[in-house]
All heavy atoms as atom14 arrays in JSON, in Angstrom:
{
  "sequence": "KGRNEGIDIGAPAGTAVRAADAGTVAAVT",
  "atom14_mask": [
    [1, 1, 1, 1, 1, 1, 1, 1, 1, 0, 0, 0, 0, 0],
    [1, 1, 1, 1, 0, 0, 0, 0, 0, 0, 0, 0, 0, 0],
    [1, 1, 1, 1, 1, 1, 1, 1, 1, 1, 1, 0, 0, 0],
    [1, 1, 1, 1, 1, 1, 1, 1, 0, 0, 0, 0, 0, 0],
    [1, 1, 1, 1, 1, 1, 1, 1, 1, 0, 0, 0, 0, 0],
    [1, 1, 1, 1, 0, 0, 0, 0, 0, 0, 0, 0, 0, 0],
    [1, 1, 1, 1, 1, 1, 1, 1, 0, 0, 0, 0, 0, 0],
    [1, 1, 1, 1, 1, 1, 1, 1, 0, 0, 0, 0, 0, 0],
    [1, 1, 1, 1, 1, 1, 1, 1, 0, 0, 0, 0, 0, 0],
    [1, 1, 1, 1, 0, 0, 0, 0, 0, 0, 0, 0, 0, 0],
    [1, 1, 1, 1, 1, 0, 0, 0, 0, 0, 0, 0, 0, 0],
    [1, 1, 1, 1, 1, 1, 1, 0, 0, 0, 0, 0, 0, 0],
    [1, 1, 1, 1, 1, 0, 0, 0, 0, 0, 0, 0, 0, 0],
    [1, 1, 1, 1, 0, 0, 0, 0, 0, 0, 0, 0, 0, 0],
    [1, 1, 1, 1, 1, 1, 1, 0, 0, 0, 0, 0, 0, 0],
    [1, 1, 1, 1, 1, 0, 0, 0, 0, 0, 0, 0, 0, 0],
    [1, 1, 1, 1, 1, 1, 1, 0, 0, 0, 0, 0, 0, 0],
    [1, 1, 1, 1, 1, 1, 1, 1, 1, 1, 1, 0, 0, 0],
    [1, 1, 1, 1, 1, 0, 0, 0, 0, 0, 0, 0, 0, 0],
    [1, 1, 1, 1, 1, 0, 0, 0, 0, 0, 0, 0, 0, 0],
    [1, 1, 1, 1, 1, 1, 1, 1, 0, 0, 0, 0, 0, 0],
    [1, 1, 1, 1, 1, 0, 0, 0, 0, 0, 0, 0, 0, 0],
    [1, 1, 1, 1, 0, 0, 0, 0, 0, 0, 0, 0, 0, 0],
    [1, 1, 1, 1, 1, 1, 1, 0, 0, 0, 0, 0, 0, 0],
    [1, 1, 1, 1, 1, 1, 1, 0, 0, 0, 0, 0, 0, 0],
    [1, 1, 1, 1, 1, 0, 0, 0, 0, 0, 0, 0, 0, 0],
    [1, 1, 1, 1, 1, 0, 0, 0, 0, 0, 0, 0, 0, 0],
    [1, 1, 1, 1, 1, 1, 1, 0, 0, 0, 0, 0, 0, 0],
    [1, 1, 1, 1, 1, 1, 1, 0, 0, 0, 0, 0, 0, 0]
  ],
  "atom14_positions": [
    [[2.31, -17.9, 3.67], [0.85, -17.68, 3.71], [0.17, -18.38, 4.87], [0.42, -19.53, 5.12], [0.23, -18.17, 2.38], [-1.21, -17.64, 2.14], [-1.66, -18.04, 0.74], [-3.06, -17.48, 0.48], [-3.02, -15.98, 0.43], [0.0, 0.0, 0.0], [0.0, 0.0, 0.0], [0.0, 0.0, 0.0], [0.0, 0.0, 0.0], [0.0, 0.0, 0.0]],
    [[-0.64, -17.62, 5.58], [-1.31, -18.15, 6.75], [-0.51, -17.97, 8.03], [-1.13, -18.05, 9.12], [0.0, 0.0, 0.0], [0.0, 0.0, 0.0], [0.0, 0.0, 0.0], [0.0, 0.0, 0.0], [0.0, 0.0, 0.0], [0.0, 0.0, 0.0], [0.0, 0.0, 0.0], [0.0, 0.0, 0.0], [0.0, 0.0, 0.0], [0.0, 0.0, 0.0]],
    [[0.8, -17.73, 7.93], [1.58, -17.53, 9.14], [2.25, -16.1, 9.15], [2.24, -15.46, 10.14], [2.67, -18.61, 9.23], [2.1, -20.02, 9.34], [3.16, -21.01, 9.8], [4.28, -21.02, 8.8], [4.23, -21.78, 7.71], [3.18, -22.46, 7.45], [5.31, -21.79, 6.89], [0.0, 0.0, 0.0], [0.0, 0.0, 0.0], [0.0, 0.0, 0.0]],
    [[2.79, -15.73, 7.98], [3.36, -14.41, 7.89], [2.92, -13.9, 6.48], [3.44, -14.37, 5.5], [4.9, -14.4, 7.98], [5.45, -12.98, 8.02], [4.89, -12.11, 8.62], [6.59, -12.81, 7.36], [0.0, 0.0, 0.0], [0.0, 0.0, 0.0], [0.0, 0.0, 0.0], [0.0, 0.0, 0.0], [0.0, 0.0, 0.0], [0.0, 0.0, 0.0]],
    [[1.99, -12.97, 6.45], [1.36, -12.6, 5.2], [2.19, -11.63, 4.4], [1.7, -11.05, 3.38], [-0.06, -11.93, 5.46], [-0.98, -12.91, 6.19], [-1.43, -14.11, 5.33], [-1.12, -14.15, 4.15], [-2.09, -15.01, 5.92], [0.0, 0.0, 0.0], [0.0, 0.0, 0.0], [0.0, 0.0, 0.0], [0.0, 0.0, 0.0], [0.0, 0.0, 0.0]],
    [[3.41, -11.34, 4.86], [4.31, -10.46, 4.14], [5.77, -10.84, 4.41], [6.04, -11.98, 4.73], [0.0, 0.0, 0.0], [0.0, 0.0, 0.0], [0.0, 0.0, 0.0], [0.0, 0.0, 0.0], [0.0, 0.0, 0.0], [0.0, 0.0, 0.0], [0.0, 0.0, 0.0], [0.0, 0.0, 0.0], [0.0, 0.0, 0.0], [0.0, 0.0, 0.0]],
    [[6.63, -9.89, 4.27], [8.0, -10.11, 4.59], [8.49, -9.06, 5.62], [7.92, -7.96, 5.68], [8.94, -10.09, 3.34], [8.78, -8.69, 2.64], [8.63, -11.24, 2.41], [9.74, -8.52, 1.45], [0.0, 0.0, 0.0], [0.0, 0.0, 0.0], [0.0, 0.0, 0.0], [0.0, 0.0, 0.0], [0.0, 0.0, 0.0], [0.0, 0.0, 0.0]],
    [[9.43, -9.43, 6.46], [10.04, -8.47, 7.35], [11.42, -8.14, 6.89], [12.29, -8.99, 6.73], [10.1, -9.12, 8.81], [8.73, -9.34, 9.39], [7.77, -8.75, 8.92], [8.63, -10.15, 10.34], [0.0, 0.0, 0.0], [0.0, 0.0, 0.0], [0.0, 0.0, 0.0], [0.0, 0.0, 0.0], [0.0, 0.0, 0.0], [0.0, 0.0, 0.0]],
    [[11.66, -6.88, 6.63], [12.95, -6.39, 6.05], [13.68, -5.66, 7.18], [13.21, -4.68, 7.72], [12.71, -5.44, 4.91], [11.87, -6.1, 3.81], [14.09, -5.01, 4.29], [11.44, -5.18, 2.71], [0.0, 0.0, 0.0], [0.0, 0.0, 0.0], [0.0, 0.0, 0.0], [0.0, 0.0, 0.0], [0.0, 0.0, 0.0], [0.0, 0.0, 0.0]],
    [[14.82, -6.21, 7.56], [15.64, -5.58, 8.58], [16.19, -4.19, 8.17], [16.7, -4.06, 7.11], [0.0, 0.0, 0.0], [0.0, 0.0, 0.0], [0.0, 0.0, 0.0], [0.0, 0.0, 0.0], [0.0, 0.0, 0.0], [0.0, 0.0, 0.0], [0.0, 0.0, 0.0], [0.0, 0.0, 0.0], [0.0, 0.0, 0.0], [0.0, 0.0, 0.0]],
    [[15.94, -3.21, 8.99], [16.4, -1.83, 8.73], [16.54, -1.09, 10.02], [15.76, -1.27, 10.97], [15.4, -1.14, 7.78], [0.0, 0.0, 0.0], [0.0, 0.0, 0.0], [0.0, 0.0, 0.0], [0.0, 0.0, 0.0], [0.0, 0.0, 0.0], [0.0, 0.0, 0.0], [0.0, 0.0, 0.0], [0.0, 0.0, 0.0], [0.0, 0.0, 0.0]],
    [[17.49, -0.17, 10.13], [17.69, 0.58, 11.37], [16.45, 1.45, 11.67], [15.78, 1.94, 10.75], [18.93, 1.42, 11.11], [19.64, 0.74, 10.0], [18.53, 0.12, 9.12], [0.0, 0.0, 0.0], [0.0, 0.0, 0.0], [0.0, 0.0, 0.0], [0.0, 0.0, 0.0], [0.0, 0.0, 0.0], [0.0, 0.0, 0.0], [0.0, 0.0, 0.0]],
    [[16.22, 1.7, 12.93], [15.11, 2.56, 13.31], [15.38, 3.96, 12.72], [16.48, 4.46, 12.73], [15.04, 2.65, 14.87], [0.0, 0.0, 0.0], [0.0, 0.0, 0.0], [0.0, 0.0, 0.0], [0.0, 0.0, 0.0], [0.0, 0.0, 0.0], [0.0, 0.0, 0.0], [0.0, 0.0, 0.0], [0.0, 0.0, 0.0], [0.0, 0.0, 0.0]],
    [[14.32, 4.56, 12.22], [14.43, 5.9, 11.64], [14.66, 5.89, 10.12], [14.68, 6.92, 9.43], [0.0, 0.0, 0.0], [0.0, 0.0, 0.0], [0.0, 0.0, 0.0], [0.0, 0.0, 0.0], [0.0, 0.0, 0.0], [0.0, 0.0, 0.0], [0.0, 0.0, 0.0], [0.0, 0.0, 0.0], [0.0, 0.0, 0.0], [0.0, 0.0, 0.0]],
    [[14.91, 4.63, 9.57], [15.07, 4.57, 8.11], [13.81, 5.03, 7.37], [12.68, 4.69, 7.79], [15.41, 3.1, 7.69], [16.59, 2.72, 8.35], [15.53, 2.98, 6.15], [0.0, 0.0, 0.0], [0.0, 0.0, 0.0], [0.0, 0.0, 0.0], [0.0, 0.0, 0.0], [0.0, 0.0, 0.0], [0.0, 0.0, 0.0], [0.0, 0.0, 0.0]],
    [[13.99, 5.83, 6.31], [12.82, 6.29, 5.6], [12.17, 5.1, 4.85], [12.86, 4.28, 4.22], [13.27, 7.36, 4.53], [0.0, 0.0, 0.0], [0.0, 0.0, 0.0], [0.0, 0.0, 0.0], [0.0, 0.0, 0.0], [0.0, 0.0, 0.0], [0.0, 0.0, 0.0], [0.0, 0.0, 0.0], [0.0, 0.0, 0.0], [0.0, 0.0, 0.0]],
    [[10.84, 5.06, 4.91], [10.05, 4.03, 4.22], [9.46, 4.68, 2.97], [8.82, 5.7, 3.04], [8.91, 3.49, 5.12], [8.07, 2.48, 4.35], [9.56, 2.86, 6.38], [0.0, 0.0, 0.0], [0.0, 0.0, 0.0], [0.0, 0.0, 0.0], [0.0, 0.0, 0.0], [0.0, 0.0, 0.0], [0.0, 0.0, 0.0], [0.0, 0.0, 0.0]],
    [[9.71, 4.05, 1.79], [9.27, 4.6, 0.56], [8.0, 3.88, 0.02], [7.85, 2.67, 0.27], [10.36, 4.43, -0.52], [11.69, 5.13, -0.17], [12.68, 4.98, -1.3], [13.02, 3.56, -1.52], [13.7, 3.1, -2.57], [14.11, 4.03, -3.48], [13.94, 1.82, -2.72], [0.0, 0.0, 0.0], [0.0, 0.0, 0.0], [0.0, 0.0, 0.0]],
    [[7.17, 4.59, -0.63], [6.0, 4.0, -1.3], [6.52, 3.11, -2.41], [7.28, 3.52, -3.22], [5.01, 5.03, -1.86], [0.0, 0.0, 0.0], [0.0, 0.0, 0.0], [0.0, 0.0, 0.0], [0.0, 0.0, 0.0], [0.0, 0.0, 0.0], [0.0, 0.0, 0.0], [0.0, 0.0, 0.0], [0.0, 0.0, 0.0], [0.0, 0.0, 0.0]],
    [[6.01, 1.85, -2.43], [6.54, 0.95, -3.48], [6.09, 1.27, -4.86], [6.75, 0.89, -5.83], [6.02, -0.51, -3.14], [0.0, 0.0, 0.0], [0.0, 0.0, 0.0], [0.0, 0.0, 0.0], [0.0, 0.0, 0.0], [0.0, 0.0, 0.0], [0.0, 0.0, 0.0], [0.0, 0.0, 0.0], [0.0, 0.0, 0.0], [0.0, 0.0, 0.0]],
    [[5.05, 2.1, -4.99], [4.58, 2.53, -6.3], [3.58, 3.67, -6.11], [3.17, 3.94, -4.94], [3.92, 1.36, -7.09], [3.81, 1.64, -8.54], [4.42, 2.66, -9.05], [3.09, 0.9, -9.29], [0.0, 0.0, 0.0], [0.0, 0.0, 0.0], [0.0, 0.0, 0.0], [0.0, 0.0, 0.0], [0.0, 0.0, 0.0], [0.0, 0.0, 0.0]],
    [[3.22, 4.36, -7.18], [2.25, 5.43, -7.07], [0.89, 4.85, -6.67], [0.56, 3.73, -7.02], [2.14, 6.16, -8.41], [0.0, 0.0, 0.0], [0.0, 0.0, 0.0], [0.0, 0.0, 0.0], [0.0, 0.0, 0.0], [0.0, 0.0, 0.0], [0.0, 0.0, 0.0], [0.0, 0.0, 0.0], [0.0, 0.0, 0.0], [0.0, 0.0, 0.0]],
    [[0.12, 5.6, -5.93], [-1.18, 5.15, -5.53], [-1.86, 6.12, -4.62], [-1.46, 7.3, -4.51], [0.0, 0.0, 0.0], [0.0, 0.0, 0.0], [0.0, 0.0, 0.0], [0.0, 0.0, 0.0], [0.0, 0.0, 0.0], [0.0, 0.0, 0.0], [0.0, 0.0, 0.0], [0.0, 0.0, 0.0], [0.0, 0.0, 0.0], [0.0, 0.0, 0.0]],
    [[-2.84, 5.63, -3.9], [-3.65, 6.46, -2.97], [-3.63, 5.83, -1.59], [-3.75, 4.62, -1.46], [-5.09, 6.59, -3.43], [-5.12, 7.13, -4.77], [-5.89, 7.52, -2.51], [0.0, 0.0, 0.0], [0.0, 0.0, 0.0], [0.0, 0.0, 0.0], [0.0, 0.0, 0.0], [0.0, 0.0, 0.0], [0.0, 0.0, 0.0], [0.0, 0.0, 0.0]],
    [[-3.47, 6.65, -0.52], [-3.45, 6.1, 0.81], [-4.92, 5.71, 1.18], [-5.81, 6.51, 1.22], [-2.93, 7.16, 1.79], [-3.08, 6.62, 3.23], [-1.5, 7.5, 1.5], [0.0, 0.0, 0.0], [0.0, 0.0, 0.0], [0.0, 0.0, 0.0], [0.0, 0.0, 0.0], [0.0, 0.0, 0.0], [0.0, 0.0, 0.0], [0.0, 0.0, 0.0]],
    [[-5.1, 4.36, 1.31], [-6.44, 3.85, 1.59], [-6.76, 3.76, 3.07], [-7.94, 3.86, 3.46], [-6.56, 2.46, 0.98], [0.0, 0.0, 0.0], [0.0, 0.0, 0.0], [0.0, 0.0, 0.0], [0.0, 0.0, 0.0], [0.0, 0.0, 0.0], [0.0, 0.0, 0.0], [0.0, 0.0, 0.0], [0.0, 0.0, 0.0], [0.0, 0.0, 0.0]],
    [[-5.77, 3.62, 3.92], [-6.01, 3.53, 5.37], [-4.76, 3.87, 6.13], [-3.66, 3.56, 5.71], [-6.49, 2.14, 5.76], [0.0, 0.0, 0.0], [0.0, 0.0, 0.0], [0.0, 0.0, 0.0], [0.0, 0.0, 0.0], [0.0, 0.0, 0.0], [0.0, 0.0, 0.0], [0.0, 0.0, 0.0], [0.0, 0.0, 0.0], [0.0, 0.0, 0.0]],
    [[-4.96, 4.58, 7.25], [-3.94, 4.81, 8.23], [-4.57, 4.43, 9.56], [-5.52, 5.06, 10.0], [-3.42, 6.26, 8.25], [-2.44, 6.43, 9.44], [-2.83, 6.64, 6.94], [0.0, 0.0, 0.0], [0.0, 0.0, 0.0], [0.0, 0.0, 0.0], [0.0, 0.0, 0.0], [0.0, 0.0, 0.0], [0.0, 0.0, 0.0], [0.0, 0.0, 0.0]],
    [[-4.08, 3.39, 10.22], [-4.63, 2.96, 11.45], [-3.55, 2.39, 12.38], [-2.39, 2.71, 12.18], [-5.74, 1.85, 11.17], [-6.35, 1.49, 12.42], [-5.11, 0.63, 10.53], [0.0, 0.0, 0.0], [0.0, 0.0, 0.0], [0.0, 0.0, 0.0], [0.0, 0.0, 0.0], [0.0, 0.0, 0.0], [0.0, 0.0, 0.0], [0.0, 0.0, 0.0]]
  ]
}
């Protein structure tokens, strides 16, 4: 907290990213 507000998960480029749960897209920027 205060330095890295999340986690970085190593994954090859092009790996599909899945929605962690059902929801609504609030922002794309």
